[in-house]
Amino acid sequence: MIIEGRMGYNSENKRYGLLISDLWEIDGFHCGTPMEYWDRDKEEWIPTRIEMAWPAQEYYLVDTGLQGDDLEGLHIRIEN
């Protein structure tokens, strides 16, 4: 099953997760979690995964140039 929503930062567990209608569907992704994000410019889903950069401790999406605050509200989908 594919779940679609937006990415948000969960301050309780200090991880990004998947929100649907302001409710946590997934309250925290682990490094390596595969997902796709919607690229508005290209109008297509882009496959990626979430990782954390060290020592900055900043989350990013692999091979996308998106990191930190860029992830907040990003339209994503994952297979669950």
PDB file of N, CA and C in Angstrom:
ATOM      1  N   MET A   1       0.831  -1.164   0.000  1.00  0.00           N
ATOM      2  CA  MET A   1       0.000   0.000   0.000  1.00  0.00           C
ATOM      3  C   MET A   1       0.887   1.242   0.000  1.00  0.00           C
ATOM      4  N   ILE A   2       0.547   2.221  -0.816  1.00  0.00           N
ATOM      5  CA  ILE A   2       1.300   3.474  -0.876  1.00  0.00           C
ATOM      6  C   ILE A   2       0.585   4.519  -0.034  1.00  0.00           C
ATOM      7  N   ILE A   3       1.345   5.196   0.814  1.00  0.00           N
ATOM      8  CA  ILE A   3       0.814   6.259   1.668  1.00  0.00           C
ATOM      9  C   ILE A   3       1.400   7.576   1.185  1.00  0.00           C
ATOM     10  N   GLU A   4       0.541   8.575   1.032  1.00  0.00           N
ATOM     11  CA  GLU A   4       0.954   9.875   0.521  1.00  0.00           C
ATOM     12  C   GLU A   4       0.571  10.955   1.533  1.00  0.00           C
ATOM     13  N   GLY A   5       1.477  11.898   1.741  1.00  0.00           N
ATOM     14  CA  GLY A   5       1.221  12.996   2.668  1.00  0.00           C
ATOM     15  C   GLY A   5       2.331  14.019   2.575  1.00  0.00           C
ATOM     16  N   ARG A   6       2.589  14.678   3.704  1.00  0.00           N
ATOM     17  CA  ARG A   6       3.660  15.669   3.707  1.00  0.00           C
ATOM     18  C   ARG A   6       4.634  15.357   4.829  1.00  0.00           C
ATOM     19  N   MET A   7       5.862  15.759   4.626  1.00  0.00           N
ATOM     20  CA  MET A   7       6.907  15.519   5.602  1.00  0.00           C
ATOM     21  C   MET A   7       6.867  16.607   6.667  1.00  0.00           C
ATOM     22  N   GLY A   8       7.065  16.197   7.913  1.00  0.00           N
ATOM     23  CA  GLY A   8       7.117  17.146   9.015  1.00  0.00           C
ATOM     24  C   GLY A   8       8.110  16.686  10.062  1.00  0.00           C
ATOM     25  N   TYR A   9       8.619  17.637  10.834  1.00  0.00           N
ATOM     26  CA  TYR A   9       9.587  17.319  11.880  1.00  0.00           C
ATOM     27  C   TYR A   9       8.844  17.058  13.174  1.00  0.00           C
ATOM     28  N   ASN A  10       9.106  15.913  13.786  1.00  0.00           N
ATOM     29  CA  ASN A  10       8.504  15.538  15.060  1.00  0.00           C
ATOM     30  C   ASN A  10       9.496  15.904  16.172  1.00  0.00           C
ATOM     31  N   SER A  11       9.205  16.959  16.894  1.00  0.00           N
ATOM     32  CA  SER A  11      10.133  17.439  17.923  1.00  0.00           C
ATOM     33  C   SER A  11      10.220  16.486  19.121  1.00  0.00           C
ATOM     34  N   GLU A  12       9.253  15.606  19.293  1.00  0.00           N
ATOM     35  CA  GLU A  12       9.296  14.663  20.414  1.00  0.00           C
ATOM     36  C   GLU A  12      10.375  13.601  20.218  1.00  0.00           C
ATOM     37  N   ASN A  13      10.516  13.089  18.993  1.00  0.00           N
ATOM     38  CA  ASN A  13      11.536  12.064  18.766  1.00  0.00           C
ATOM     39  C   ASN A  13      12.691  12.559  17.885  1.00  0.00           C
ATOM     40  N   LYS A  14      12.621  13.837  17.500  1.00  0.00           N
ATOM     41  CA  LYS A  14      13.679  14.493  16.722  1.00  0.00           C
ATOM     42  C   LYS A  14      13.942  13.796  15.384  1.00  0.00           C
ATOM     43  N   ARG A  15      12.837  13.404  14.722  1.00  0.00           N
ATOM     44  CA  ARG A  15      12.912  12.763  13.409  1.00  0.00           C
ATOM     45  C   ARG A  15      11.850  13.370  12.502  1.00  0.00           C
ATOM     46  N   TYR A  16      12.085  13.256  11.190  1.00  0.00           N
ATOM     47  CA  TYR A  16      11.054  13.619  10.234  1.00  0.00           C
ATOM     48  C   TYR A  16      10.113  12.435  10.078  1.00  0.00           C
ATOM     49  N   GLY A  17       8.835  12.735   9.859  1.00  0.00           N
ATOM     50  CA  GLY A  17       7.837  11.697   9.673  1.00  0.00           C
ATOM     51  C   GLY A  17       6.840  12.109   8.607  1.00  0.00           C
ATOM     52  N   LEU A  18       5.786  11.310   8.476  1.00  0.00           N
ATOM     53  CA  LEU A  18       4.758  11.525   7.457  1.00  0.00           C
ATOM     54  C   LEU A  18       3.463  11.979   8.118  1.00  0.00           C
ATOM     55  N   LEU A  19       2.996  13.142   7.711  1.00  0.00           N
ATOM     56  CA  LEU A  19       1.748  13.704   8.218  1.00  0.00           C
ATOM     57  C   LEU A  19       0.647  13.593   7.175  1.00  0.00           C
ATOM     58  N   ILE A  20      -0.552  13.241   7.640  1.00  0.00           N
ATOM     59  CA  ILE A  20      -1.751  13.276   6.811  1.00  0.00           C
ATOM     60  C   ILE A  20      -2.784  14.052   7.613  1.00  0.00           C
ATOM     61  N   SER A  21      -3.231  15.173   7.060  1.00  0.00           N
ATOM     62  CA  SER A  21      -4.205  16.044   7.743  1.00  0.00           C
ATOM     63  C   SER A  21      -3.747  16.412   9.156  1.00  0.00           C
ATOM     64  N   ASP A  22      -2.485  16.778   9.298  1.00  0.00           N
ATOM     65  CA  ASP A  22      -1.886  17.189  10.569  1.00  0.00           C
ATOM     66  C   ASP A  22      -1.828  16.086  11.629  1.00  0.00           C
ATOM     67  N   LEU A  23      -1.991  14.835  11.222  1.00  0.00           N
ATOM     68  CA  LEU A  23      -1.860  13.702  12.136  1.00  0.00           C
ATOM     69  C   LEU A  23      -0.697  12.837  11.666  1.00  0.00           C
ATOM     70  N   TRP A  24       0.061  12.312  12.626  1.00  0.00           N
ATOM     71  CA  TRP A  24       1.204  11.465  12.276  1.00  0.00           C
ATOM     72  C   TRP A  24       0.721  10.126  11.763  1.00  0.00           C
ATOM     73  N   GLU A  25       1.002   9.832  10.513  1.00  0.00           N
ATOM     74  CA  GLU A  25       0.786   8.492   9.963  1.00  0.00           C
ATOM     75  C   GLU A  25       2.006   7.636  10.294  1.00  0.00           C
ATOM     76  N   ILE A  26       3.181   8.254  10.152  1.00  0.00           N
ATOM     77  CA  ILE A  26       4.453   7.658  10.570  1.00  0.00           C
ATOM     78  C   ILE A  26       5.163   8.749  11.365  1.00  0.00           C
ATOM     79  N   ASP A  27       5.421   8.502  12.648  1.00  0.00           N
ATOM     80  CA  ASP A  27       5.931   9.577  13.501  1.00  0.00           C
ATOM     81  C   ASP A  27       7.433   9.772  13.437  1.00  0.00           C
ATOM     82  N   GLY A  28       8.148   8.920  12.711  1.00  0.00           N
ATOM     83  CA  GLY A  28       9.582   9.127  12.572  1.00  0.00           C
ATOM     84  C   GLY A  28      10.219   8.144  11.617  1.00  0.00           C
ATOM     85  N   PHE A  29      10.891   8.668  10.588  1.00  0.00           N
ATOM     86  CA  PHE A  29      11.623   7.825   9.648  1.00  0.00           C
ATOM     87  C   PHE A  29      12.992   7.505  10.216  1.00  0.00           C
ATOM     88  N   HIS A  30      13.512   6.360   9.846  1.00  0.00           N
ATOM     89  CA  HIS A  30      14.882   5.980  10.196  1.00  0.00           C
ATOM     90  C   HIS A  30      15.777   6.213   8.982  1.00  0.00           C
ATOM     91  N   CYS A  31      17.045   6.426   9.210  1.00  0.00           N
ATOM     92  CA  CYS A  31      17.982   6.625   8.103  1.00  0.00           C
ATOM     93  C   CYS A  31      17.887   5.439   7.149  1.00  0.00           C
ATOM     94  N   GLY A  32      17.859   5.765   5.864  1.00  0.00           N
ATOM     95  CA  GLY A  32      17.758   4.741   4.839  1.00  0.00           C
ATOM     96  C   GLY A  32      16.340   4.467   4.375  1.00  0.00           C
ATOM     97  N   THR A  33      15.331   5.064   5.037  1.00  0.00           N
ATOM     98  CA  THR A  33      13.945   4.829   4.631  1.00  0.00           C
ATOM     99  C   THR A  33      13.729   5.323   3.201  1.00  0.00           C
ATOM    100  N   PRO A  34      13.309   4.426   2.300  1.00  0.00           N
ATOM    101  CA  PRO A  34      13.054   4.845   0.914  1.00  0.00           C
ATOM    102  C   PRO A  34      11.723   5.583   0.801  1.00  0.00           C
ATOM    103  N   MET A  35      11.670   6.543  -0.104  1.00  0.00           N
ATOM    104  CA  MET A  35      10.460   7.327  -0.344  1.00  0.00           C
ATOM    105  C   MET A  35      10.583   8.010  -1.686  1.00  0.00           C
ATOM    106  N   GLU A  36       9.517   8.667  -2.095  1.00  0.00           N
ATOM    107  CA  GLU A  36       9.538   9.505  -3.284  1.00  0.00           C
ATOM    108  C   GLU A  36       9.005  10.870  -2.880  1.00  0.00           C
ATOM    109  N   TYR A  37       9.525  11.923  -3.496  1.00  0.00           N
ATOM    110  CA  TYR A  37       8.974  13.255  -3.261  1.00  0.00           C
ATOM    111  C   TYR A  37       8.503  13.825  -4.590  1.00  0.00           C
ATOM    112  N   TRP A  38       7.503  14.698  -4.516  1.00  0.00           N
ATOM    113  CA  TRP A  38       6.941  15.302  -5.715  1.00  0.00           C
ATOM    114  C   TRP A  38       7.742  16.536  -6.080  1.00  0.00           C
ATOM    115  N   ASP A  39       8.374  16.502  -7.247  1.00  0.00           N
ATOM    116  CA  ASP A  39       9.123  17.647  -7.755  1.00  0.00           C
ATOM    117  C   ASP A  39       8.162  18.497  -8.581  1.00  0.00           C
ATOM    118  N   ARG A  40       7.802  19.657  -8.062  1.00  0.00           N
ATOM    119  CA  ARG A  40       6.825  20.533  -8.736  1.00  0.00           C
ATOM    120  C   ARG A  40       7.336  21.032 -10.084  1.00  0.00           C
ATOM    121  N   ASP A  41       8.623  21.294 -10.181  1.00  0.00           N
ATOM    122  CA  ASP A  41       9.177  21.805 -11.435  1.00  0.00           C
ATOM    123  C   ASP A  41       9.131  20.749 -12.542  1.00  0.00           C
ATOM    124  N   LYS A  42       9.519  19.529 -12.213  1.00  0.00           N
ATOM    125  CA  LYS A  42       9.538  18.451 -13.196  1.00  0.00           C
ATOM    126  C   LYS A  42       8.177  17.762 -13.335  1.00  0.00           C
ATOM    127  N   GLU A  43       7.304  17.997 -12.349  1.00  0.00           N
ATOM    128  CA  GLU A  43       5.989  17.363 -12.285  1.00  0.00           C
ATOM    129  C   GLU A  43       6.102  15.840 -12.350  1.00  0.00           C
ATOM    130  N   GLU A  44       6.963  15.303 -11.451  1.00  0.00           N
ATOM    131  CA  GLU A  44       7.128  13.856 -11.370  1.00  0.00           C
ATOM    132  C   GLU A  44       7.610  13.458  -9.979  1.00  0.00           C
ATOM    133  N   TRP A  45       7.401  12.197  -9.648  1.00  0.00           N
ATOM    134  CA  TRP A  45       7.884  11.642  -8.388  1.00  0.00           C
ATOM    135  C   TRP A  45       9.354  11.278  -8.548  1.00  0.00           C
ATOM    136  N   ILE A  46      10.161  11.677  -7.564  1.00  0.00           N
ATOM    137  CA  ILE A  46      11.599  11.429  -7.571  1.00  0.00           C
ATOM    138  C   ILE A  46      11.935  10.441  -6.441  1.00  0.00           C
ATOM    139  N   PRO A  47      12.496   9.272  -6.771  1.00  0.00           N
ATOM    140  CA  PRO A  47      12.866   8.314  -5.719  1.00  0.00           C
ATOM    141  C   PRO A  47      14.103   8.784  -4.947  1.00  0.00           C
ATOM    142  N   THR A  48      14.097   8.545  -3.640  1.00  0.00           N
ATOM    143  CA  THR A  48      15.209   8.945  -2.771  1.00  0.00           C
ATOM    144  C   THR A  48      15.115   8.157  -1.469  1.00  0.00           C
ATOM    145  N   ARG A  49      15.942   8.525  -0.523  1.00  0.00           N
ATOM    146  CA  ARG A  49      15.853   7.988   0.840  1.00  0.00           C
ATOM    147  C   ARG A  49      16.355   9.060   1.797  1.00  0.00           C
ATOM    148  N   ILE A  50      15.940   8.965   3.047  1.00  0.00           N
ATOM    149  CA  ILE A  50      16.351   9.965   4.040  1.00  0.00           C
ATOM    150  C   ILE A  50      17.607   9.481   4.761  1.00  0.00           C
ATOM    151  N   GLU A  51      18.512  10.412   5.009  1.00  0.00           N
ATOM    152  CA  GLU A  51      19.751  10.135   5.742  1.00  0.00           C
ATOM    153  C   GLU A  51      20.063  11.333   6.631  1.00  0.00           C
ATOM    154  N   MET A  52      21.056  11.190   7.494  1.00  0.00           N
ATOM    155  CA  MET A  52      21.484  12.295   8.342  1.00  0.00           C
ATOM    156  C   MET A  52      22.956  12.591   8.101  1.00  0.00           C
ATOM    157  N   ALA A  53      23.261  13.867   7.905  1.00  0.00           N
ATOM    158  CA  ALA A  53      24.644  14.306   7.708  1.00  0.00           C
ATOM    159  C   ALA A  53      25.309  14.486   9.083  1.00  0.00           C
ATOM    160  N   TRP A  54      26.514  13.951   9.214  1.00  0.00           N
ATOM    161  CA  TRP A  54      27.286  14.095  10.449  1.00  0.00           C
ATOM    162  C   TRP A  54      28.507  14.951  10.170  1.00  0.00           C
ATOM    163  N   PRO A  55      28.981  15.759  11.049  1.00  0.00           N
ATOM    164  CA  PRO A  55      28.518  15.962  12.420  1.00  0.00           C
ATOM    165  C   PRO A  55      27.403  17.007  12.541  1.00  0.00           C
ATOM    166  N   ALA A  56      26.945  17.569  11.436  1.00  0.00           N
ATOM    167  CA  ALA A  56      25.924  18.632  11.496  1.00  0.00           C
ATOM    168  C   ALA A  56      24.595  18.139  12.058  1.00  0.00           C
ATOM    169  N   GLN A  57      24.351  16.832  12.041  1.00  0.00           N
ATOM    170  CA  GLN A  57      23.100  16.234  12.487  1.00  0.00           C
ATOM    171  C   GLN A  57      21.905  16.889  11.790  1.00  0.00           C
ATOM    172  N   GLU A  58      21.986  16.935  10.466  1.00  0.00           N
ATOM    173  CA  GLU A  58      20.925  17.511   9.660  1.00  0.00           C
ATOM    174  C   GLU A  58      20.427  16.458   8.673  1.00  0.00           C
ATOM    175  N   TYR A  59      19.115  16.259   8.647  1.00  0.00           N
ATOM    176  CA  TYR A  59      18.531  15.284   7.719  1.00  0.00           C
ATOM    177  C   TYR A  59      18.563  15.821   6.301  1.00  0.00           C
ATOM    178  N   TYR A  60      18.675  14.899   5.339  1.00  0.00           N
ATOM    179  CA  TYR A  60      18.656  15.271   3.925  1.00  0.00           C
ATOM    180  C   TYR A  60      18.093  14.116   3.105  1.00  0.00           C
ATOM    181  N   LEU A  61      17.653  14.427   1.890  1.00  0.00           N
ATOM    182  CA  LEU A  61      17.203  13.405   0.953  1.00  0.00           C
ATOM    183  C   LEU A  61      18.321  13.166  -0.056  1.00  0.00           C
ATOM    184  N   VAL A  62      18.744  11.937  -0.173  1.00  0.00           N
ATOM    185  CA  VAL A  62      19.891  11.547  -0.990  1.00  0.00           C
ATOM    186  C   VAL A  62      19.700  11.950  -2.455  1.00  0.00           C
ATOM    187  N   ASP A  63      20.748  12.548  -3.026  1.00  0.00           N
ATOM    188  CA  ASP A  63      20.820  12.936  -4.445  1.00  0.00           C
ATOM    189  C   ASP A  63      19.745  13.933  -4.875  1.00  0.00           C
ATOM    190  N   THR A  64      19.256  14.768  -3.936  1.00  0.00           N
ATOM    191  CA  THR A  64      18.209  15.735  -4.290  1.00  0.00           C
ATOM    192  C   THR A  64      18.618  17.180  -4.032  1.00  0.00           C
ATOM    193  N   GLY A  65      19.592  17.399  -3.149  1.00  0.00           N
ATOM    194  CA  GLY A  65      19.942  18.755  -2.744  1.00  0.00           C
ATOM    195  C   GLY A  65      19.015  19.299  -1.667  1.00  0.00           C
ATOM    196  N   LEU A  66      18.026  18.504  -1.235  1.00  0.00           N
ATOM    197  CA  LEU A  66      17.084  18.937  -0.198  1.00  0.00           C
ATOM    198  C   LEU A  66      17.596  18.508   1.171  1.00  0.00           C
ATOM    199  N   GLN A  67      17.606  19.466   2.114  1.00  0.00           N
ATOM    200  CA  GLN A  67      18.092  19.163   3.458  1.00  0.00           C
ATOM    201  C   GLN A  67      17.478  20.112   4.468  1.00  0.00           C
ATOM    202  N   GLY A  68      17.545  19.725   5.736  1.00  0.00           N
ATOM    203  CA  GLY A  68      17.077  20.582   6.826  1.00  0.00           C
ATOM    204  C   GLY A  68      15.668  21.103   6.622  1.00  0.00           C
ATOM    205  N   ASP A  69      15.507  22.409   6.711  1.00  0.00           N
ATOM    206  CA  ASP A  69      14.191  23.041   6.605  1.00  0.00           C
ATOM    207  C   ASP A  69      13.526  22.833   5.248  1.00  0.00           C
ATOM    208  N   ASP A  70      14.307  22.487   4.207  1.00  0.00           N
ATOM    209  CA  ASP A  70      13.725  22.207   2.884  1.00  0.00           C
ATOM    210  C   ASP A  70      12.764  21.023   2.932  1.00  0.00           C
ATOM    211  N   LEU A  71      12.921  20.145   3.928  1.00  0.00           N
ATOM    212  CA  LEU A  71      12.108  18.935   4.017  1.00  0.00           C
ATOM    213  C   LEU A  71      10.723  19.203   4.590  1.00  0.00           C
ATOM    214  N   GLU A  72      10.592  20.259   5.361  1.00  0.00           N
ATOM    215  CA  GLU A  72       9.320  20.569   6.030  1.00  0.00           C
ATOM    216  C   GLU A  72       8.216  20.834   5.009  1.00  0.00           C
ATOM    217  N   GLY A  73       7.143  20.033   5.078  1.00  0.00           N
ATOM    218  CA  GLY A  73       5.989  20.214   4.211  1.00  0.00           C
ATOM    219  C   GLY A  73       6.124  19.600   2.829  1.00  0.00           C
ATOM    220  N   LEU A  74       7.242  18.946   2.563  1.00  0.00           N
ATOM    221  CA  LEU A  74       7.483  18.332   1.261  1.00  0.00           C
ATOM    222  C   LEU A  74       6.455  17.230   1.002  1.00  0.00           C
ATOM    223  N   HIS A  75       5.869  17.211  -0.185  1.00  0.00           N
ATOM    224  CA  HIS A  75       4.887  16.197  -0.576  1.00  0.00           C
ATOM    225  C   HIS A  75       5.647  14.906  -0.872  1.00  0.00           C
ATOM    226  N   ILE A  76       5.353  13.858  -0.092  1.00  0.00           N
ATOM    227  CA  ILE A  76       6.064  12.593  -0.231  1.00  0.00           C
ATOM    228  C   ILE A  76       5.086  11.438  -0.284  1.00  0.00           C
ATOM    229  N   ARG A  77       5.611  10.293  -0.720  1.00  0.00           N
ATOM    230  CA  ARG A  77       4.859   9.052  -0.628  1.00  0.00           C
ATOM    231  C   ARG A  77       5.835   7.919  -0.328  1.00  0.00           C
ATOM    232  N   ILE A  78       5.323   6.924   0.405  1.00  0.00           N
ATOM    233  CA  ILE A  78       6.133   5.773   0.750  1.00  0.00           C
ATOM    234  C   ILE A  78       5.280   4.514   0.593  1.00  0.00           C
ATOM    235  N   GLU A  79       5.958   3.400   0.443  1.00  0.00           N
ATOM    236  CA  GLU A  79       5.249   2.117   0.424  1.00  0.00           C
ATOM    237  C   GLU A  79       5.290   1.562   1.837  1.00  0.00           C
ATOM    238  N   ASN A  80       4.117   1.204   2.334  1.00  0.00           N
ATOM    239  CA  ASN A  80       4.038   0.708   3.707  1.00  0.00           C
ATOM    240  C   ASN A  80       3.466  -0.690   3.727  1.00  0.00           C
TER     241      ASN A  80
END
